[in-house]
Amino acid sequence: MQSTINLLDRAEQVKPLAAWTKEMKLSGNVLYTARLRGRLSPILAGAIAEKLGEDVQHWITVAVLETEKESGALDHLKKTADRWLNKVNS
């Protein structure tokens, strides 16, 4: 499954994180902090996905799943999310 840091990496290929921070009217180091933590919040993931023209619902779902503790149910939902994305993109 993709991670929200993959999305942040793609955003950074378009313009520096400081430019995203200014454009999205975010506080100081929120995107740098997200990178250090290894994930974006669902709100940030959705906002960045929208700016990049990506599937907002998918990225919000990925962000929510990243906050959950590992479990059998989480593994199942990750696989379901991957299948859903493949279906949407085909």
PDB file of N, CA and C in Angstrom:
ATOM      1  N   MET A   1       0.836  -1.179   0.000  1.00  0.00           N
ATOM      2  CA  MET A   1       0.000   0.000   0.000  1.00  0.00           C
ATOM      3  C   MET A   1       0.885   1.247   0.000  1.00  0.00           C
ATOM      4  N   GLN A   2       0.474   2.244  -0.741  1.00  0.00           N
ATOM      5  CA  GLN A   2       1.197   3.506  -0.750  1.00  0.00           C
ATOM      6  C   GLN A   2       1.092   4.164   0.620  1.00  0.00           C
ATOM      7  N   SER A   3       2.028   5.056   0.897  1.00  0.00           N
ATOM      8  CA  SER A   3       1.959   5.808   2.147  1.00  0.00           C
ATOM      9  C   SER A   3       1.767   7.288   1.828  1.00  0.00           C
ATOM     10  N   THR A   4       1.302   8.024   2.809  1.00  0.00           N
ATOM     11  CA  THR A   4       1.100   9.450   2.580  1.00  0.00           C
ATOM     12  C   THR A   4       2.422  10.178   2.367  1.00  0.00           C
ATOM     13  N   ILE A   5       3.512   9.579   2.818  1.00  0.00           N
ATOM     14  CA  ILE A   5       4.817  10.187   2.553  1.00  0.00           C
ATOM     15  C   ILE A   5       5.140  10.085   1.064  1.00  0.00           C
ATOM     16  N   ASN A   6       4.651   9.038   0.382  1.00  0.00           N
ATOM     17  CA  ASN A   6       4.792   8.972  -1.080  1.00  0.00           C
ATOM     18  C   ASN A   6       4.104  10.173  -1.724  1.00  0.00           C
ATOM     19  N   LEU A   7       2.926  10.510  -1.212  1.00  0.00           N
ATOM     20  CA  LEU A   7       2.186  11.666  -1.719  1.00  0.00           C
ATOM     21  C   LEU A   7       2.969  12.950  -1.447  1.00  0.00           C
ATOM     22  N   LEU A   8       3.521  13.078  -0.262  1.00  0.00           N
ATOM     23  CA  LEU A   8       4.312  14.258   0.087  1.00  0.00           C
ATOM     24  C   LEU A   8       5.548  14.362  -0.808  1.00  0.00           C
ATOM     25  N   ASP A   9       6.169  13.230  -1.108  1.00  0.00           N
ATOM     26  CA  ASP A   9       7.319  13.219  -2.024  1.00  0.00           C
ATOM     27  C   ASP A   9       6.925  13.745  -3.403  1.00  0.00           C
ATOM     28  N   ARG A  10       5.762  13.308  -3.895  1.00  0.00           N
ATOM     29  CA  ARG A  10       5.292  13.779  -5.204  1.00  0.00           C
ATOM     30  C   ARG A  10       5.014  15.279  -5.178  1.00  0.00           C
ATOM     31  N   ALA A  11       4.437  15.739  -4.074  1.00  0.00           N
ATOM     32  CA  ALA A  11       4.176  17.178  -3.938  1.00  0.00           C
ATOM     33  C   ALA A  11       5.483  17.959  -3.957  1.00  0.00           C
ATOM     34  N   GLU A  12       6.484  17.419  -3.302  1.00  0.00           N
ATOM     35  CA  GLU A  12       7.775  18.100  -3.222  1.00  0.00           C
ATOM     36  C   GLU A  12       8.488  18.126  -4.571  1.00  0.00           C
ATOM     37  N   GLN A  13       8.159  17.197  -5.457  1.00  0.00           N
ATOM     38  CA  GLN A  13       8.720  17.229  -6.811  1.00  0.00           C
ATOM     39  C   GLN A  13       8.133  18.389  -7.617  1.00  0.00           C
ATOM     40  N   VAL A  14       6.940  18.815  -7.242  1.00  0.00           N
ATOM     41  CA  VAL A  14       6.277  19.926  -7.927  1.00  0.00           C
ATOM     42  C   VAL A  14       6.817  21.267  -7.427  1.00  0.00           C
ATOM     43  N   LYS A  15       6.941  21.396  -6.109  1.00  0.00           N
ATOM     44  CA  LYS A  15       7.490  22.616  -5.512  1.00  0.00           C
ATOM     45  C   LYS A  15       7.953  22.306  -4.091  1.00  0.00           C
ATOM     46  N   PRO A  16       8.814  23.152  -3.535  1.00  0.00           N
ATOM     47  CA  PRO A  16       9.335  22.908  -2.183  1.00  0.00           C
ATOM     48  C   PRO A  16       8.226  22.911  -1.122  1.00  0.00           C
ATOM     49  N   LEU A  17       8.489  22.212  -0.029  1.00  0.00           N
ATOM     50  CA  LEU A  17       7.506  22.150   1.051  1.00  0.00           C
ATOM     51  C   LEU A  17       7.159  23.536   1.590  1.00  0.00           C
ATOM     52  N   ALA A  18       8.124  24.432   1.613  1.00  0.00           N
ATOM     53  CA  ALA A  18       7.848  25.793   2.092  1.00  0.00           C
ATOM     54  C   ALA A  18       6.795  26.474   1.214  1.00  0.00           C
ATOM     55  N   ALA A  19       6.835  26.224  -0.090  1.00  0.00           N
ATOM     56  CA  ALA A  19       5.845  26.809  -1.003  1.00  0.00           C
ATOM     57  C   ALA A  19       4.463  26.205  -0.763  1.00  0.00           C
ATOM     58  N   TRP A  20       4.412  24.877  -0.513  1.00  0.00           N
ATOM     59  CA  TRP A  20       3.128  24.233  -0.187  1.00  0.00           C
ATOM     60  C   TRP A  20       2.569  24.803   1.111  1.00  0.00           C
ATOM     61  N   THR A  21       3.444  24.989   2.092  1.00  0.00           N
ATOM     62  CA  THR A  21       3.020  25.522   3.388  1.00  0.00           C
ATOM     63  C   THR A  21       2.377  26.893   3.213  1.00  0.00           C
ATOM     64  N   LYS A  22       3.016  27.739   2.417  1.00  0.00           N
ATOM     65  CA  LYS A  22       2.493  29.081   2.182  1.00  0.00           C
ATOM     66  C   LYS A  22       1.183  29.025   1.395  1.00  0.00           C
ATOM     67  N   GLU A  23       1.157  28.245   0.312  1.00  0.00           N
ATOM     68  CA  GLU A  23      -0.037  28.153  -0.534  1.00  0.00           C
ATOM     69  C   GLU A  23      -1.252  27.646   0.237  1.00  0.00           C
ATOM     70  N   MET A  24      -1.023  26.658   1.105  1.00  0.00           N
ATOM     71  CA  MET A  24      -2.130  26.050   1.841  1.00  0.00           C
ATOM     72  C   MET A  24      -2.397  26.755   3.176  1.00  0.00           C
ATOM     73  N   LYS A  25      -1.647  27.830   3.435  1.00  0.00           N
ATOM     74  CA  LYS A  25      -1.806  28.634   4.656  1.00  0.00           C
ATOM     75  C   LYS A  25      -1.683  27.782   5.919  1.00  0.00           C
ATOM     76  N   LEU A  26      -0.619  26.963   5.935  1.00  0.00           N
ATOM     77  CA  LEU A  26      -0.350  26.086   7.073  1.00  0.00           C
ATOM     78  C   LEU A  26       0.608  26.771   8.033  1.00  0.00           C
ATOM     79  N   SER A  27       0.622  26.312   9.257  1.00  0.00           N
ATOM     80  CA  SER A  27       1.557  26.870  10.226  1.00  0.00           C
ATOM     81  C   SER A  27       2.954  26.310   9.985  1.00  0.00           C
ATOM     82  N   GLY A  28       3.925  27.144  10.205  1.00  0.00           N
ATOM     83  CA  GLY A  28       5.348  26.871  10.116  1.00  0.00           C
ATOM     84  C   GLY A  28       5.846  25.572   9.532  1.00  0.00           C
ATOM     85  N   ASN A  29       6.102  24.612  10.384  1.00  0.00           N
ATOM     86  CA  ASN A  29       6.793  23.389   9.988  1.00  0.00           C
ATOM     87  C   ASN A  29       5.896  22.170   9.898  1.00  0.00           C
ATOM     88  N   VAL A  30       4.612  22.345   9.679  1.00  0.00           N
ATOM     89  CA  VAL A  30       3.680  21.214   9.741  1.00  0.00           C
ATOM     90  C   VAL A  30       4.047  20.110   8.740  1.00  0.00           C
ATOM     91  N   LEU A  31       4.465  20.459   7.536  1.00  0.00           N
ATOM     92  CA  LEU A  31       4.808  19.427   6.548  1.00  0.00           C
ATOM     93  C   LEU A  31       6.135  18.751   6.888  1.00  0.00           C
ATOM     94  N   TYR A  32       7.074  19.522   7.423  1.00  0.00           N
ATOM     95  CA  TYR A  32       8.344  18.928   7.856  1.00  0.00           C
ATOM     96  C   TYR A  32       8.120  17.987   9.041  1.00  0.00           C
ATOM     97  N   THR A  33       7.241  18.386   9.945  1.00  0.00           N
ATOM     98  CA  THR A  33       6.902  17.540  11.090  1.00  0.00           C
ATOM     99  C   THR A  33       6.232  16.253  10.623  1.00  0.00           C
ATOM    100  N   ALA A  34       5.339  16.369   9.653  1.00  0.00           N
ATOM    101  CA  ALA A  34       4.673  15.179   9.104  1.00  0.00           C
ATOM    102  C   ALA A  34       5.705  14.223   8.521  1.00  0.00           C
ATOM    103  N   ARG A  35       6.687  14.765   7.814  1.00  0.00           N
ATOM    104  CA  ARG A  35       7.733  13.906   7.240  1.00  0.00           C
ATOM    105  C   ARG A  35       8.502  13.195   8.350  1.00  0.00           C
ATOM    106  N   LEU A  36       8.835  13.915   9.410  1.00  0.00           N
ATOM    107  CA  LEU A  36       9.549  13.297  10.533  1.00  0.00           C
ATOM    108  C   LEU A  36       8.721  12.195  11.184  1.00  0.00           C
ATOM    109  N   ARG A  37       7.414  12.402  11.290  1.00  0.00           N
ATOM    110  CA  ARG A  37       6.528  11.404  11.895  1.00  0.00           C
ATOM    111  C   ARG A  37       6.245  10.241  10.952  1.00  0.00           C
ATOM    112  N   GLY A  38       6.482  10.454   9.677  1.00  0.00           N
ATOM    113  CA  GLY A  38       6.287   9.378   8.705  1.00  0.00           C
ATOM    114  C   GLY A  38       4.883   9.277   8.149  1.00  0.00           C
ATOM    115  N   ARG A  39       4.068  10.313   8.356  1.00  0.00           N
ATOM    116  CA  ARG A  39       2.702  10.269   7.817  1.00  0.00           C
ATOM    117  C   ARG A  39       2.073  11.660   7.828  1.00  0.00           C
ATOM    118  N   LEU A  40       1.100  11.822   6.932  1.00  0.00           N
ATOM    119  CA  LEU A  40       0.293  13.036   6.878  1.00  0.00           C
ATOM    120  C   LEU A  40      -1.025  12.792   7.588  1.00  0.00           C
ATOM    121  N   SER A  41      -1.609  13.836   8.112  1.00  0.00           N
ATOM    122  CA  SER A  41      -2.963  13.719   8.658  1.00  0.00           C
ATOM    123  C   SER A  41      -3.929  13.524   7.493  1.00  0.00           C
ATOM    124  N   PRO A  42      -5.109  12.978   7.762  1.00  0.00           N
ATOM    125  CA  PRO A  42      -6.094  12.828   6.682  1.00  0.00           C
ATOM    126  C   PRO A  42      -6.433  14.155   5.993  1.00  0.00           C
ATOM    127  N   ILE A  43      -6.517  15.236   6.756  1.00  0.00           N
ATOM    128  CA  ILE A  43      -6.833  16.546   6.175  1.00  0.00           C
ATOM    129  C   ILE A  43      -5.727  16.997   5.228  1.00  0.00           C
ATOM    130  N   LEU A  44      -4.478  16.904   5.668  1.00  0.00           N
ATOM    131  CA  LEU A  44      -3.362  17.306   4.809  1.00  0.00           C
ATOM    132  C   LEU A  44      -3.256  16.409   3.585  1.00  0.00           C
ATOM    133  N   ALA A  45      -3.424  15.106   3.783  1.00  0.00           N
ATOM    134  CA  ALA A  45      -3.349  14.176   2.651  1.00  0.00           C
ATOM    135  C   ALA A  45      -4.412  14.510   1.607  1.00  0.00           C
ATOM    136  N   GLY A  46      -5.624  14.769   2.056  1.00  0.00           N
ATOM    137  CA  GLY A  46      -6.698  15.115   1.127  1.00  0.00           C
ATOM    138  C   GLY A  46      -6.437  16.422   0.403  1.00  0.00           C
ATOM    139  N   ALA A  47      -5.956  17.416   1.131  1.00  0.00           N
ATOM    140  CA  ALA A  47      -5.689  18.728   0.529  1.00  0.00           C
ATOM    141  C   ALA A  47      -4.571  18.648  -0.507  1.00  0.00           C
ATOM    142  N   ILE A  48      -3.509  17.931  -0.185  1.00  0.00           N
ATOM    143  CA  ILE A  48      -2.393  17.793  -1.125  1.00  0.00           C
ATOM    144  C   ILE A  48      -2.825  16.974  -2.337  1.00  0.00           C
ATOM    145  N   ALA A  49      -3.561  15.901  -2.097  1.00  0.00           N
ATOM    146  CA  ALA A  49      -4.051  15.084  -3.213  1.00  0.00           C
ATOM    147  C   ALA A  49      -4.890  15.927  -4.166  1.00  0.00           C
ATOM    148  N   GLU A  50      -5.752  16.758  -3.619  1.00  0.00           N
ATOM    149  CA  GLU A  50      -6.596  17.616  -4.465  1.00  0.00           C
ATOM    150  C   GLU A  50      -5.738  18.560  -5.305  1.00  0.00           C
ATOM    151  N   LYS A  51      -4.734  19.168  -4.686  1.00  0.00           N
ATOM    152  CA  LYS A  51      -3.846  20.094  -5.406  1.00  0.00           C
ATOM    153  C   LYS A  51      -3.078  19.379  -6.517  1.00  0.00           C
ATOM    154  N   LEU A  52      -2.752  18.102  -6.292  1.00  0.00           N
ATOM    155  CA  LEU A  52      -2.002  17.333  -7.288  1.00  0.00           C
ATOM    156  C   LEU A  52      -2.908  16.653  -8.314  1.00  0.00           C
ATOM    157  N   GLY A  53      -4.220  16.772  -8.128  1.00  0.00           N
ATOM    158  CA  GLY A  53      -5.156  16.126  -9.052  1.00  0.00           C
ATOM    159  C   GLY A  53      -5.266  14.629  -8.830  1.00  0.00           C
ATOM    160  N   GLU A  54      -4.981  14.190  -7.616  1.00  0.00           N
ATOM    161  CA  GLU A  54      -5.054  12.765  -7.275  1.00  0.00           C
ATOM    162  C   GLU A  54      -6.385  12.466  -6.590  1.00  0.00           C
ATOM    163  N   ASP A  55      -6.657  11.192  -6.388  1.00  0.00           N
ATOM    164  CA  ASP A  55      -7.909  10.751  -5.775  1.00  0.00           C
ATOM    165  C   ASP A  55      -7.916  11.121  -4.285  1.00  0.00           C
ATOM    166  N   VAL A  56      -8.708  12.112  -3.949  1.00  0.00           N
ATOM    167  CA  VAL A  56      -8.754  12.631  -2.578  1.00  0.00           C
ATOM    168  C   VAL A  56      -9.237  11.563  -1.600  1.00  0.00           C
ATOM    169  N   GLN A  57     -10.301  10.848  -1.951  1.00  0.00           N
ATOM    170  CA  GLN A  57     -10.843   9.823  -1.047  1.00  0.00           C
ATOM    171  C   GLN A  57      -9.809   8.744  -0.753  1.00  0.00           C
ATOM    172  N   HIS A  58      -9.077   8.336  -1.773  1.00  0.00           N
ATOM    173  CA  HIS A  58      -8.047   7.310  -1.567  1.00  0.00           C
ATOM    174  C   HIS A  58      -7.012   7.790  -0.555  1.00  0.00           C
ATOM    175  N   TRP A  59      -6.518   9.014  -0.741  1.00  0.00           N
ATOM    176  CA  TRP A  59      -5.445   9.484   0.122  1.00  0.00           C
ATOM    177  C   TRP A  59      -5.914   9.756   1.544  1.00  0.00           C
ATOM    178  N   ILE A  60      -7.153  10.180   1.703  1.00  0.00           N
ATOM    179  CA  ILE A  60      -7.697  10.325   3.056  1.00  0.00           C
ATOM    180  C   ILE A  60      -7.787   8.953   3.714  1.00  0.00           C
ATOM    181  N   THR A  61      -8.225   7.952   2.957  1.00  0.00           N
ATOM    182  CA  THR A  61      -8.310   6.584   3.480  1.00  0.00           C
ATOM    183  C   THR A  61      -6.939   6.074   3.888  1.00  0.00           C
ATOM    184  N   VAL A  62      -5.932   6.284   3.036  1.00  0.00           N
ATOM    185  CA  VAL A  62      -4.571   5.855   3.361  1.00  0.00           C
ATOM    186  C   VAL A  62      -4.115   6.517   4.661  1.00  0.00           C
ATOM    187  N   ALA A  63      -4.370   7.806   4.795  1.00  0.00           N
ATOM    188  CA  ALA A  63      -3.951   8.530   6.003  1.00  0.00           C
ATOM    189  C   ALA A  63      -4.631   7.991   7.253  1.00  0.00           C
ATOM    190  N   VAL A  64      -5.910   7.682   7.143  1.00  0.00           N
ATOM    191  CA  VAL A  64      -6.635   7.115   8.293  1.00  0.00           C
ATOM    192  C   VAL A  64      -6.055   5.753   8.660  1.00  0.00           C
ATOM    193  N   LEU A  65      -5.805   4.916   7.663  1.00  0.00           N
ATOM    194  CA  LEU A  65      -5.257   3.582   7.933  1.00  0.00           C
ATOM    195  C   LEU A  65      -3.870   3.663   8.565  1.00  0.00           C
ATOM    196  N   GLU A  66      -3.090   4.680   8.207  1.00  0.00           N
ATOM    197  CA  GLU A  66      -1.751   4.830   8.785  1.00  0.00           C
ATOM    198  C   GLU A  66      -1.793   5.135  10.282  1.00  0.00           C
ATOM    199  N   THR A  67      -2.896   5.657  10.767  1.00  0.00           N
ATOM    200  CA  THR A  67      -2.979   6.000  12.192  1.00  0.00           C
ATOM    201  C   THR A  67      -3.337   4.799  13.068  1.00  0.00           C
ATOM    202  N   GLU A  68      -3.797   3.732  12.451  1.00  0.00           N
ATOM    203  CA  GLU A  68      -4.252   2.560  13.206  1.00  0.00           C
ATOM    204  C   GLU A  68      -3.088   1.653  13.594  1.00  0.00           C
ATOM    205  N   LYS A  69      -3.262   0.954  14.708  1.00  0.00           N
ATOM    206  CA  LYS A  69      -2.281  -0.046  15.130  1.00  0.00           C
ATOM    207  C   LYS A  69      -2.407  -1.269  14.231  1.00  0.00           C
ATOM    208  N   GLU A  70      -1.303  -1.978  14.066  1.00  0.00           N
ATOM    209  CA  GLU A  70      -1.300  -3.184  13.231  1.00  0.00           C
ATOM    210  C   GLU A  70      -2.250  -4.232  13.800  1.00  0.00           C
ATOM    211  N   SER A  71      -3.022  -4.839  12.910  1.00  0.00           N
ATOM    212  CA  SER A  71      -3.941  -5.909  13.301  1.00  0.00           C
ATOM    213  C   SER A  71      -4.376  -6.644  12.043  1.00  0.00           C
ATOM    214  N   GLY A  72      -5.018  -7.773  12.234  1.00  0.00           N
ATOM    215  CA  GLY A  72      -5.553  -8.523  11.105  1.00  0.00           C
ATOM    216  C   GLY A  72      -6.587  -7.724  10.338  1.00  0.00           C
ATOM    217  N   ALA A  73      -7.415  -6.998  11.067  1.00  0.00           N
ATOM    218  CA  ALA A  73      -8.439  -6.173  10.419  1.00  0.00           C
ATOM    219  C   ALA A  73      -7.795  -5.066   9.587  1.00  0.00           C
ATOM    220  N   LEU A  74      -6.725  -4.479  10.100  1.00  0.00           N
ATOM    221  CA  LEU A  74      -6.036  -3.424   9.362  1.00  0.00           C
ATOM    222  C   LEU A  74      -5.425  -3.983   8.083  1.00  0.00           C
ATOM    223  N   ASP A  75      -4.801  -5.149   8.168  1.00  0.00           N
ATOM    224  CA  ASP A  75      -4.235  -5.780   6.971  1.00  0.00           C
ATOM    225  C   ASP A  75      -5.310  -5.998   5.917  1.00  0.00           C
ATOM    226  N   HIS A  76      -6.467  -6.474   6.349  1.00  0.00           N
ATOM    227  CA  HIS A  76      -7.581  -6.709   5.427  1.00  0.00           C
ATOM    228  C   HIS A  76      -8.018  -5.396   4.766  1.00  0.00           C
ATOM    229  N   LEU A  77      -8.152  -4.338   5.555  1.00  0.00           N
ATOM    230  CA  LEU A  77      -8.578  -3.053   5.004  1.00  0.00           C
ATOM    231  C   LEU A  77      -7.545  -2.466   4.050  1.00  0.00           C
ATOM    232  N   LYS A  78      -6.256  -2.655   4.341  1.00  0.00           N
ATOM    233  CA  LYS A  78      -5.213  -2.180   3.431  1.00  0.00           C
ATOM    234  C   LYS A  78      -5.320  -2.883   2.084  1.00  0.00           C
ATOM    235  N   LYS A  79      -5.548  -4.194   2.107  1.00  0.00           N
ATOM    236  CA  LYS A  79      -5.705  -4.942   0.854  1.00  0.00           C
ATOM    237  C   LYS A  79      -6.947  -4.483   0.105  1.00  0.00           C
ATOM    238  N   THR A  80      -8.017  -4.232   0.836  1.00  0.00           N
ATOM    239  CA  THR A  80      -9.247  -3.739   0.219  1.00  0.00           C
ATOM    240  C   THR A  80      -9.010  -2.374  -0.417  1.00  0.00           C
ATOM    241  N   ALA A  81      -8.295  -1.505   0.270  1.00  0.00           N
ATOM    242  CA  ALA A  81      -7.994  -0.171  -0.266  1.00  0.00           C
ATOM    243  C   ALA A  81      -7.157  -0.274  -1.531  1.00  0.00           C
ATOM    244  N   ASP A  82      -6.186  -1.187  -1.548  1.00  0.00           N
ATOM    245  CA  ASP A  82      -5.365  -1.386  -2.746  1.00  0.00           C
ATOM    246  C   ASP A  82      -6.208  -1.878  -3.918  1.00  0.00           C
ATOM    247  N   ARG A  83      -7.110  -2.833  -3.656  1.00  0.00           N
ATOM    248  CA  ARG A  83      -7.981  -3.344  -4.729  1.00  0.00           C
ATOM    249  C   ARG A  83      -8.879  -2.238  -5.259  1.00  0.00           C
ATOM    250  N   TRP A  84      -9.407  -1.438  -4.352  1.00  0.00           N
ATOM    251  CA  TRP A  84     -10.281  -0.336  -4.746  1.00  0.00           C
ATOM    252  C   TRP A  84      -9.524   0.657  -5.633  1.00  0.00           C
ATOM    253  N   LEU A  85      -8.290   0.997  -5.252  1.00  0.00           N
ATOM    254  CA  LEU A  85      -7.505   1.934  -6.042  1.00  0.00           C
ATOM    255  C   LEU A  85      -7.207   1.362  -7.421  1.00  0.00           C
ATOM    256  N   ASN A  86      -6.860   0.083  -7.475  1.00  0.00           N
ATOM    257  CA  ASN A  86      -6.586  -0.545  -8.771  1.00  0.00           C
ATOM    258  C   ASN A  86      -7.821  -0.518  -9.660  1.00  0.00           C
ATOM    259  N   LYS A  87      -8.980  -0.745  -9.071  1.00  0.00           N
ATOM    260  CA  LYS A  87     -10.240  -0.732  -9.826  1.00  0.00           C
ATOM    261  C   LYS A  87     -10.535   0.672 -10.346  1.00  0.00           C
ATOM    262  N   VAL A  88     -10.325   1.672  -9.505  1.00  0.00           N
ATOM    263  CA  VAL A  88     -10.584   3.062  -9.888  1.00  0.00           C
ATOM    264  C   VAL A  88      -9.639   3.502 -11.003  1.00  0.00           C
ATOM    265  N   ASN A  89      -8.399   3.068 -10.941  1.00  0.00           N
ATOM    266  CA  ASN A  89      -7.389   3.491 -11.913  1.00  0.00           C
ATOM    267  C   ASN A  89      -7.403   2.705 -13.212  1.00  0.00           C
ATOM    268  N   SER A  90      -8.206   1.629 -13.285  1.00  0.00           N
ATOM    269  CA  SER A  90      -8.202   0.834 -14.522  1.00  0.00           C
ATOM    270  C   SER A  90      -9.315   1.211 -15.453  1.00  0.00           C
TER     271      SER A  90
END
